[in-house]
C-alpha cells in the first residue's frame, strides 16, 4: 500500500514539473500574481528567466546538483534536461522493484530539495550552498528509505559515502 501511494505521489510530482504547474516566477507572472516588470530571473543561477524545467533541470546550479547525485550513485551518463526524459532515465537506471522504488524516491527528493532551497534563498535570504543541499538530499533519501525498505540498517554515514554499495546490500 505504501509503495502504491508513493508511486502516485511521484507521478503527480513528475506531471507538475513537466507541465510547469509549480509556482515559478513565469507562472506567477502569467497568472498576474506578480507584476510584469518584476524580476523573474532564477534565484539559483541568476542567468535566465525562472520556469520549472529550467529551475529544476537546466539551471547551472540544479544541473550541478543532479550531476553530483549521479556521481554519488556512480552513474557516468549526464542527466537529460527534459523533465520527462530525465525522470524515465533516472527510473530506468536499476531494475529490481525495491531499488527502483528507491530511485523514484531519490528523483522526487532531489526535485523537492532543489525547490525547497530555491524558496529558502528567495524568501529567507539563504546563501546558495551546494554542499549543504547535497547533505540535505542524502539525509532525506536515507530517512525515507529507512522505514520503507525491509531490513534497512545502513548508517547515514555509510549511505552518504557509497549509495551504490548500500543499494547492492539491500538487494
N, C-alpha and C. Protein backbone atom coordinates (compact mmCIF):
# COMPACT_ATOMS: atom_id res chain seq x y z
N UNK A 1 0.83 -1.19 0.00
CA UNK A 1 0.00 0.00 0.00
C UNK A 1 0.87 1.25 0.00
N UNK A 2 1.95 1.22 0.80
CA UNK A 2 2.82 2.38 0.86
C UNK A 2 3.44 2.68 -0.49
N UNK A 3 3.92 1.64 -1.18
CA UNK A 3 4.59 1.88 -2.46
C UNK A 3 3.61 2.39 -3.51
N UNK A 4 2.34 1.96 -3.45
CA UNK A 4 1.35 2.43 -4.40
C UNK A 4 1.09 3.93 -4.19
N UNK A 5 0.96 4.34 -2.93
CA UNK A 5 0.80 5.75 -2.62
C UNK A 5 1.99 6.55 -3.09
N UNK A 6 3.18 6.02 -2.84
CA UNK A 6 4.41 6.72 -3.23
C UNK A 6 4.49 6.85 -4.75
N UNK A 7 4.16 5.78 -5.46
CA UNK A 7 4.19 5.85 -6.92
C UNK A 7 3.24 6.92 -7.44
N UNK A 8 2.04 7.00 -6.89
CA UNK A 8 1.09 8.03 -7.31
C UNK A 8 1.63 9.43 -7.02
N UNK A 9 2.21 9.59 -5.84
CA UNK A 9 2.78 10.88 -5.46
C UNK A 9 3.91 11.27 -6.42
N UNK A 10 4.78 10.34 -6.74
CA UNK A 10 5.90 10.63 -7.62
C UNK A 10 5.44 10.96 -9.03
N UNK A 11 4.46 10.24 -9.52
CA UNK A 11 3.93 10.53 -10.85
C UNK A 11 3.27 11.91 -10.85
N UNK A 12 2.58 12.23 -9.77
CA UNK A 12 1.97 13.56 -9.65
C UNK A 12 3.05 14.65 -9.67
N UNK A 13 4.13 14.43 -8.94
CA UNK A 13 5.24 15.40 -8.93
C UNK A 13 5.83 15.56 -10.33
N UNK A 14 6.07 14.44 -10.99
CA UNK A 14 6.63 14.49 -12.33
C UNK A 14 5.70 15.24 -13.28
N UNK A 15 4.41 14.97 -13.18
CA UNK A 15 3.44 15.65 -14.04
C UNK A 15 3.48 17.15 -13.80
N UNK A 16 3.50 17.56 -12.54
CA UNK A 16 3.55 19.00 -12.22
C UNK A 16 4.80 19.66 -12.78
N UNK A 17 5.94 18.99 -12.66
CA UNK A 17 7.18 19.55 -13.19
C UNK A 17 7.12 19.65 -14.71
N UNK A 18 6.67 18.59 -15.33
CA UNK A 18 6.64 18.54 -16.80
C UNK A 18 5.67 19.55 -17.40
N UNK A 19 4.59 19.86 -16.69
CA UNK A 19 3.58 20.78 -17.21
C UNK A 19 3.65 22.17 -16.58
N UNK A 20 4.79 22.47 -15.98
CA UNK A 20 5.03 23.79 -15.41
C UNK A 20 3.91 24.21 -14.46
N UNK A 21 3.58 23.33 -13.53
CA UNK A 21 2.50 23.60 -12.59
C UNK A 21 3.01 23.89 -11.18
N UNK A 22 4.27 24.27 -11.07
CA UNK A 22 4.78 24.71 -9.77
C UNK A 22 4.90 26.23 -9.82
N UNK A 23 4.92 26.85 -8.69
CA UNK A 23 4.85 28.31 -8.62
C UNK A 23 6.19 28.99 -8.89
N UNK A 24 6.65 28.91 -10.10
CA UNK A 24 7.85 29.61 -10.51
C UNK A 24 7.48 31.02 -10.93
N UNK A 25 8.50 31.85 -11.14
CA UNK A 25 8.24 33.26 -11.46
C UNK A 25 7.43 33.43 -12.76
N UNK A 26 7.74 32.65 -13.78
CA UNK A 26 6.98 32.80 -15.03
C UNK A 26 5.51 32.44 -14.82
N UNK A 27 5.25 31.43 -14.01
CA UNK A 27 3.88 31.01 -13.73
C UNK A 27 3.15 32.11 -12.94
N UNK A 28 3.83 32.68 -11.96
CA UNK A 28 3.22 33.76 -11.17
C UNK A 28 2.94 34.99 -12.03
N UNK A 29 3.83 35.25 -12.97
CA UNK A 29 3.64 36.40 -13.86
C UNK A 29 2.44 36.17 -14.79
N UNK A 30 2.33 34.97 -15.36
CA UNK A 30 1.21 34.66 -16.25
C UNK A 30 -0.13 34.75 -15.54
N UNK A 31 -0.15 34.39 -14.28
CA UNK A 31 -1.39 34.43 -13.51
C UNK A 31 -1.62 35.80 -12.87
N UNK A 32 -0.72 36.73 -13.17
CA UNK A 32 -0.80 38.11 -12.67
C UNK A 32 -0.76 38.22 -11.15
N UNK A 33 -0.03 37.30 -10.55
CA UNK A 33 0.19 37.35 -9.11
C UNK A 33 1.33 38.31 -8.81
N UNK A 34 2.27 38.39 -9.73
CA UNK A 34 3.32 39.41 -9.64
C UNK A 34 3.23 40.28 -10.88
N UNK A 35 3.79 41.46 -10.81
CA UNK A 35 3.69 42.39 -11.94
C UNK A 35 4.59 41.96 -13.10
N UNK A 36 4.25 42.43 -14.28
CA UNK A 36 5.02 42.07 -15.48
C UNK A 36 6.43 42.61 -15.45
N UNK A 37 6.69 43.66 -14.67
CA UNK A 37 8.04 44.22 -14.63
C UNK A 37 8.87 43.67 -13.47
N UNK A 38 8.35 42.68 -12.73
CA UNK A 38 9.09 42.08 -11.62
C UNK A 38 10.28 41.26 -12.15
N UNK A 39 11.32 41.17 -11.35
CA UNK A 39 12.49 40.37 -11.70
C UNK A 39 12.09 38.89 -11.68
N UNK A 40 12.23 38.23 -12.81
CA UNK A 40 11.84 36.82 -12.90
C UNK A 40 13.03 35.90 -13.14
N UNK A 41 14.22 36.39 -12.87
CA UNK A 41 15.41 35.56 -13.03
C UNK A 41 15.47 34.49 -11.95
N UNK A 42 16.07 33.38 -12.31
CA UNK A 42 16.27 32.26 -11.39
C UNK A 42 17.14 32.73 -10.21
N UNK A 43 16.68 32.48 -9.00
CA UNK A 43 17.47 32.90 -7.83
C UNK A 43 18.68 32.00 -7.59
N UNK A 44 18.70 30.84 -8.23
CA UNK A 44 19.83 29.92 -8.04
C UNK A 44 21.03 30.31 -8.91
N UNK A 45 20.77 30.67 -10.15
CA UNK A 45 21.88 31.00 -11.06
C UNK A 45 21.86 32.45 -11.53
N UNK A 46 20.72 33.10 -11.43
CA UNK A 46 20.54 34.50 -11.82
C UNK A 46 20.91 34.78 -13.27
N UNK A 47 20.77 33.78 -14.13
CA UNK A 47 21.17 34.00 -15.53
C UNK A 47 20.01 33.89 -16.52
N UNK A 48 18.90 33.26 -16.15
CA UNK A 48 17.79 33.08 -17.08
C UNK A 48 16.47 33.25 -16.34
N UNK A 49 15.40 33.43 -17.14
CA UNK A 49 14.08 33.51 -16.54
C UNK A 49 13.75 32.19 -15.85
N UNK A 50 13.05 32.28 -14.74
CA UNK A 50 12.74 31.10 -13.94
C UNK A 50 11.45 30.45 -14.42
N UNK A 51 11.55 29.22 -14.86
CA UNK A 51 10.39 28.36 -15.12
C UNK A 51 10.78 26.97 -14.68
N UNK A 52 9.82 26.08 -14.47
CA UNK A 52 10.08 24.83 -13.76
C UNK A 52 11.18 23.99 -14.38
N UNK A 53 11.13 23.76 -15.68
CA UNK A 53 12.16 22.91 -16.32
C UNK A 53 13.54 23.51 -16.14
N UNK A 54 13.65 24.81 -16.38
CA UNK A 54 14.95 25.46 -16.22
C UNK A 54 15.41 25.40 -14.77
N UNK A 55 14.53 25.74 -13.85
CA UNK A 55 14.88 25.78 -12.44
C UNK A 55 15.35 24.42 -11.93
N UNK A 56 14.63 23.37 -12.28
CA UNK A 56 14.90 22.05 -11.70
C UNK A 56 15.89 21.19 -12.48
N UNK A 57 16.11 21.49 -13.77
CA UNK A 57 16.96 20.61 -14.57
C UNK A 57 18.03 21.32 -15.39
N UNK A 58 17.75 22.52 -15.89
CA UNK A 58 18.67 23.17 -16.82
C UNK A 58 19.58 24.21 -16.18
N UNK A 59 19.15 24.81 -15.11
CA UNK A 59 19.93 25.82 -14.40
C UNK A 59 21.30 25.24 -14.05
N UNK A 60 22.36 26.03 -14.15
CA UNK A 60 23.72 25.55 -13.83
C UNK A 60 23.77 24.94 -12.44
N UNK A 61 23.13 25.61 -11.52
CA UNK A 61 23.12 25.16 -10.14
C UNK A 61 22.42 23.80 -10.01
N UNK A 62 21.21 23.69 -10.55
CA UNK A 62 20.45 22.44 -10.48
C UNK A 62 21.17 21.32 -11.22
N UNK A 63 21.72 21.65 -12.37
CA UNK A 63 22.44 20.64 -13.14
C UNK A 63 23.63 20.11 -12.34
N UNK A 64 24.29 20.99 -11.61
CA UNK A 64 25.41 20.56 -10.77
C UNK A 64 24.92 19.62 -9.66
N UNK A 65 23.78 19.95 -9.05
CA UNK A 65 23.22 19.07 -8.00
C UNK A 65 22.91 17.69 -8.58
N UNK A 66 22.25 17.67 -9.76
CA UNK A 66 21.95 16.39 -10.40
C UNK A 66 23.23 15.63 -10.73
N UNK A 67 24.21 16.31 -11.26
CA UNK A 67 25.48 15.66 -11.61
C UNK A 67 26.15 15.10 -10.36
N UNK A 68 26.11 15.86 -9.30
CA UNK A 68 26.69 15.41 -8.03
C UNK A 68 25.97 14.16 -7.52
N UNK A 69 24.65 14.14 -7.65
CA UNK A 69 23.88 12.97 -7.22
C UNK A 69 24.19 11.76 -8.09
N UNK A 70 24.32 11.98 -9.38
CA UNK A 70 24.66 10.86 -10.27
C UNK A 70 26.07 10.36 -9.98
N UNK A 71 26.95 11.24 -9.62
CA UNK A 71 28.30 10.85 -9.22
C UNK A 71 28.24 10.01 -7.95
N UNK A 72 27.40 10.42 -6.99
CA UNK A 72 27.19 9.68 -5.74
C UNK A 72 26.69 8.28 -6.04
N UNK A 73 25.87 8.14 -7.08
CA UNK A 73 25.31 6.85 -7.47
C UNK A 73 26.23 6.08 -8.42
N UNK A 74 27.38 6.66 -8.73
CA UNK A 74 28.33 6.07 -9.67
C UNK A 74 27.75 5.92 -11.06
N UNK A 75 26.92 6.83 -11.44
CA UNK A 75 26.33 6.86 -12.78
C UNK A 75 27.12 7.86 -13.60
N UNK A 76 27.61 7.43 -14.76
CA UNK A 76 28.50 8.29 -15.54
C UNK A 76 27.79 9.08 -16.63
N UNK A 77 26.60 8.67 -17.04
CA UNK A 77 25.90 9.40 -18.09
C UNK A 77 25.34 10.71 -17.56
N UNK A 78 25.40 11.74 -18.37
CA UNK A 78 24.86 13.04 -17.98
C UNK A 78 23.34 12.98 -17.97
N UNK A 79 22.71 13.61 -16.98
CA UNK A 79 21.24 13.61 -16.94
C UNK A 79 20.66 14.51 -18.02
N UNK A 80 19.58 14.08 -18.70
CA UNK A 80 18.94 14.95 -19.69
C UNK A 80 18.25 16.13 -19.02
N UNK A 81 18.06 17.20 -19.75
CA UNK A 81 17.45 18.40 -19.19
C UNK A 81 15.93 18.36 -19.23
N UNK A 82 15.33 17.58 -20.11
CA UNK A 82 13.88 17.49 -20.21
C UNK A 82 13.34 16.69 -19.02
N UNK A 83 12.32 17.21 -18.36
CA UNK A 83 11.78 16.61 -17.14
C UNK A 83 11.35 15.15 -17.33
N UNK A 84 10.55 14.88 -18.33
CA UNK A 84 10.03 13.52 -18.52
C UNK A 84 11.15 12.55 -18.90
N UNK A 85 12.01 12.94 -19.82
CA UNK A 85 13.15 12.09 -20.18
C UNK A 85 14.05 11.86 -18.98
N UNK A 86 14.25 12.90 -18.22
CA UNK A 86 15.08 12.82 -17.03
C UNK A 86 14.50 11.81 -16.05
N UNK A 87 13.20 11.91 -15.80
CA UNK A 87 12.54 11.00 -14.87
C UNK A 87 12.66 9.55 -15.32
N UNK A 88 12.36 9.26 -16.58
CA UNK A 88 12.39 7.87 -17.04
C UNK A 88 13.80 7.33 -17.14
N UNK A 89 14.76 8.16 -17.46
CA UNK A 89 16.15 7.72 -17.45
C UNK A 89 16.55 7.37 -16.03
N UNK A 90 16.17 8.24 -15.12
CA UNK A 90 16.51 8.02 -13.71
C UNK A 90 15.84 6.75 -13.20
N UNK A 91 14.55 6.57 -13.49
CA UNK A 91 13.83 5.39 -13.02
C UNK A 91 14.39 4.12 -13.63
N UNK A 92 14.84 4.19 -14.87
CA UNK A 92 15.32 3.00 -15.55
C UNK A 92 16.75 2.61 -15.22
N UNK A 93 17.40 3.33 -14.32
CA UNK A 93 18.79 3.01 -14.01
C UNK A 93 18.93 1.65 -13.33
N UNK A 94 17.94 1.25 -12.56
CA UNK A 94 18.03 -0.01 -11.83
C UNK A 94 16.76 -0.82 -12.08
N UNK A 95 16.86 -2.12 -11.82
CA UNK A 95 15.76 -2.97 -12.25
C UNK A 95 14.93 -3.60 -11.14
N UNK A 96 15.50 -4.06 -10.05
CA UNK A 96 14.66 -4.75 -9.07
C UNK A 96 13.75 -3.77 -8.36
N UNK A 97 12.58 -4.26 -7.95
CA UNK A 97 11.47 -3.39 -7.54
C UNK A 97 11.82 -2.43 -6.40
N UNK A 98 12.39 -2.92 -5.29
CA UNK A 98 12.68 -2.02 -4.17
C UNK A 98 13.73 -0.99 -4.57
N UNK A 99 14.71 -1.42 -5.34
CA UNK A 99 15.74 -0.48 -5.76
C UNK A 99 15.15 0.56 -6.70
N UNK A 100 14.25 0.12 -7.59
CA UNK A 100 13.58 1.06 -8.48
C UNK A 100 12.75 2.06 -7.70
N UNK A 101 12.07 1.59 -6.66
CA UNK A 101 11.29 2.48 -5.82
C UNK A 101 12.19 3.50 -5.12
N UNK A 102 13.36 3.05 -4.69
CA UNK A 102 14.32 3.97 -4.07
C UNK A 102 14.75 5.03 -5.08
N UNK A 103 14.98 4.61 -6.34
CA UNK A 103 15.39 5.58 -7.35
C UNK A 103 14.29 6.59 -7.63
N UNK A 104 13.03 6.15 -7.60
CA UNK A 104 11.92 7.10 -7.75
C UNK A 104 11.98 8.10 -6.60
N UNK A 105 12.18 7.58 -5.39
CA UNK A 105 12.25 8.45 -4.21
C UNK A 105 13.41 9.42 -4.33
N UNK A 106 14.55 8.94 -4.80
CA UNK A 106 15.71 9.82 -4.97
C UNK A 106 15.36 10.95 -5.93
N UNK A 107 14.71 10.64 -7.03
CA UNK A 107 14.36 11.66 -8.01
C UNK A 107 13.44 12.72 -7.40
N UNK A 108 12.40 12.27 -6.72
CA UNK A 108 11.45 13.20 -6.11
C UNK A 108 12.14 14.02 -5.02
N UNK A 109 12.99 13.39 -4.23
CA UNK A 109 13.70 14.11 -3.17
C UNK A 109 14.62 15.17 -3.77
N UNK A 110 15.33 14.85 -4.83
CA UNK A 110 16.21 15.84 -5.46
C UNK A 110 15.39 17.04 -5.92
N UNK A 111 14.30 16.77 -6.61
CA UNK A 111 13.43 17.86 -7.07
C UNK A 111 12.93 18.67 -5.87
N UNK A 112 12.48 17.98 -4.85
CA UNK A 112 11.95 18.66 -3.67
C UNK A 112 13.03 19.51 -2.99
N UNK A 113 14.23 18.96 -2.82
CA UNK A 113 15.31 19.69 -2.14
C UNK A 113 15.72 20.92 -2.95
N UNK A 114 15.82 20.79 -4.26
CA UNK A 114 16.14 21.95 -5.10
C UNK A 114 15.05 23.02 -4.92
N UNK A 115 13.80 22.60 -4.97
CA UNK A 115 12.68 23.54 -4.82
C UNK A 115 12.70 24.19 -3.43
N UNK A 116 12.92 23.39 -2.40
CA UNK A 116 12.95 23.91 -1.03
C UNK A 116 14.07 24.94 -0.85
N UNK A 117 15.26 24.60 -1.34
CA UNK A 117 16.37 25.54 -1.21
C UNK A 117 16.16 26.78 -2.08
N UNK A 118 15.54 26.60 -3.21
CA UNK A 118 15.17 27.75 -4.05
C UNK A 118 14.31 28.72 -3.23
N UNK A 119 13.30 28.18 -2.55
CA UNK A 119 12.41 29.02 -1.74
C UNK A 119 13.12 29.63 -0.54
N UNK A 120 14.02 28.87 0.09
CA UNK A 120 14.79 29.42 1.21
C UNK A 120 15.67 30.58 0.75
N UNK A 121 16.26 30.45 -0.41
CA UNK A 121 17.10 31.52 -0.96
C UNK A 121 16.24 32.74 -1.29
N UNK A 122 15.12 32.48 -1.92
CA UNK A 122 14.25 33.56 -2.38
C UNK A 122 13.55 34.30 -1.23
N UNK A 123 12.99 33.55 -0.29
CA UNK A 123 12.16 34.16 0.73
C UNK A 123 12.86 34.36 2.07
N UNK A 124 13.85 33.55 2.37
CA UNK A 124 14.53 33.64 3.67
C UNK A 124 15.97 34.14 3.56
N UNK A 125 16.35 34.54 2.35
CA UNK A 125 17.68 35.12 2.09
C UNK A 125 18.83 34.17 2.45
N UNK A 126 18.62 32.87 2.27
CA UNK A 126 19.70 31.92 2.47
C UNK A 126 20.74 32.12 1.38
N UNK A 127 21.93 31.65 1.63
CA UNK A 127 23.02 31.70 0.64
C UNK A 127 23.06 30.36 -0.07
N UNK A 128 23.32 30.37 -1.36
CA UNK A 128 23.41 29.13 -2.14
C UNK A 128 24.61 28.34 -1.63
N UNK A 129 24.37 27.12 -1.14
CA UNK A 129 25.42 26.26 -0.62
C UNK A 129 25.19 24.84 -1.15
N UNK A 130 25.93 24.49 -2.17
CA UNK A 130 25.73 23.21 -2.84
C UNK A 130 25.97 22.04 -1.90
N UNK A 131 26.99 22.11 -1.08
CA UNK A 131 27.28 21.00 -0.17
C UNK A 131 26.16 20.81 0.86
N UNK A 132 25.62 21.89 1.36
CA UNK A 132 24.50 21.79 2.32
C UNK A 132 23.29 21.16 1.64
N UNK A 133 23.06 21.52 0.41
CA UNK A 133 21.92 20.96 -0.33
C UNK A 133 22.14 19.48 -0.59
N UNK A 134 23.36 19.10 -0.96
CA UNK A 134 23.65 17.69 -1.20
C UNK A 134 23.52 16.89 0.10
N UNK A 135 24.02 17.41 1.21
CA UNK A 135 23.87 16.73 2.51
C UNK A 135 22.41 16.58 2.88
N UNK A 136 21.62 17.61 2.66
CA UNK A 136 20.19 17.56 2.94
C UNK A 136 19.52 16.49 2.10
N UNK A 137 19.91 16.42 0.85
CA UNK A 137 19.37 15.44 -0.07
C UNK A 137 19.70 14.01 0.39
N UNK A 138 20.95 13.76 0.74
CA UNK A 138 21.35 12.43 1.21
C UNK A 138 20.55 12.03 2.44
N UNK A 139 20.41 12.96 3.37
CA UNK A 139 19.67 12.67 4.59
C UNK A 139 18.19 12.38 4.30
N UNK A 140 17.58 13.16 3.46
CA UNK A 140 16.16 12.97 3.16
C UNK A 140 15.90 11.63 2.47
N UNK A 141 16.76 11.24 1.54
CA UNK A 141 16.59 9.94 0.88
C UNK A 141 16.78 8.82 1.89
N UNK A 142 17.82 8.92 2.71
CA UNK A 142 18.09 7.91 3.73
C UNK A 142 16.93 7.79 4.71
N UNK A 143 16.43 8.94 5.20
CA UNK A 143 15.35 8.90 6.19
C UNK A 143 14.05 8.39 5.59
N UNK A 144 13.85 8.57 4.29
CA UNK A 144 12.67 7.99 3.65
C UNK A 144 12.83 6.49 3.50
N UNK A 145 14.02 6.03 3.09
CA UNK A 145 14.24 4.61 2.83
C UNK A 145 14.21 3.77 4.10
N UNK A 146 14.68 4.33 5.19
CA UNK A 146 14.79 3.57 6.44
C UNK A 146 13.48 2.87 6.83
N UNK A 147 12.34 3.55 6.88
CA UNK A 147 11.11 2.83 7.23
C UNK A 147 10.45 2.10 6.06
N UNK A 148 10.80 2.46 4.83
CA UNK A 148 10.13 1.88 3.66
C UNK A 148 10.72 0.55 3.22
N UNK A 149 12.03 0.37 3.42
CA UNK A 149 12.73 -0.81 2.91
C UNK A 149 12.96 -1.79 4.05
N UNK A 150 12.50 -3.01 3.84
CA UNK A 150 12.63 -4.05 4.86
C UNK A 150 14.11 -4.32 5.16
N UNK A 151 14.42 -4.51 6.43
CA UNK A 151 15.79 -4.81 6.90
C UNK A 151 16.80 -3.72 6.54
N UNK A 152 16.37 -2.50 6.55
CA UNK A 152 17.26 -1.36 6.25
C UNK A 152 17.98 -0.97 7.53
N UNK A 153 19.27 -1.29 7.60
CA UNK A 153 20.03 -0.96 8.81
C UNK A 153 21.37 -0.29 8.46
N UNK A 154 21.37 0.48 7.41
CA UNK A 154 22.57 1.16 6.94
C UNK A 154 22.66 2.53 7.63
N UNK A 155 23.84 2.84 8.14
CA UNK A 155 24.01 4.12 8.82
C UNK A 155 24.01 5.26 7.79
N UNK A 156 23.66 6.44 8.24
CA UNK A 156 23.66 7.61 7.36
C UNK A 156 25.07 7.88 6.83
N UNK A 157 26.07 7.67 7.66
CA UNK A 157 27.46 7.90 7.26
C UNK A 157 27.84 7.01 6.06
N UNK A 158 27.55 5.72 6.17
CA UNK A 158 27.86 4.77 5.08
C UNK A 158 27.01 5.11 3.86
N UNK A 159 25.75 5.42 4.06
CA UNK A 159 24.84 5.80 2.97
C UNK A 159 25.39 6.98 2.19
N UNK A 160 25.87 7.98 2.91
CA UNK A 160 26.41 9.20 2.30
C UNK A 160 27.67 8.91 1.50
N UNK A 161 28.47 7.95 1.95
CA UNK A 161 29.73 7.64 1.27
C UNK A 161 29.55 6.87 -0.03
N UNK A 162 28.66 5.88 -0.03
CA UNK A 162 28.58 4.99 -1.20
C UNK A 162 27.16 4.45 -1.38
N UNK A 163 26.34 5.21 -2.05
CA UNK A 163 24.96 4.82 -2.26
C UNK A 163 24.86 3.52 -3.06
N UNK A 164 25.63 3.39 -4.11
CA UNK A 164 25.54 2.20 -4.96
C UNK A 164 25.81 0.92 -4.16
N UNK A 165 26.82 0.94 -3.30
CA UNK A 165 27.12 -0.23 -2.48
C UNK A 165 26.00 -0.50 -1.48
N UNK A 166 25.42 0.54 -0.92
CA UNK A 166 24.30 0.36 0.01
C UNK A 166 23.12 -0.30 -0.69
N UNK A 167 22.86 0.12 -1.92
CA UNK A 167 21.75 -0.47 -2.67
C UNK A 167 22.04 -1.94 -3.01
N UNK A 168 23.30 -2.26 -3.27
CA UNK A 168 23.67 -3.67 -3.51
C UNK A 168 23.41 -4.51 -2.26
N UNK A 169 23.70 -3.95 -1.09
CA UNK A 169 23.47 -4.67 0.17
C UNK A 169 21.99 -4.93 0.40
N UNK A 170 21.16 -4.02 -0.07
CA UNK A 170 19.72 -4.18 0.11
C UNK A 170 19.10 -5.20 -0.83
N UNK A 171 19.81 -5.54 -1.89
CA UNK A 171 19.28 -6.47 -2.91
C UNK A 171 19.08 -7.87 -2.37
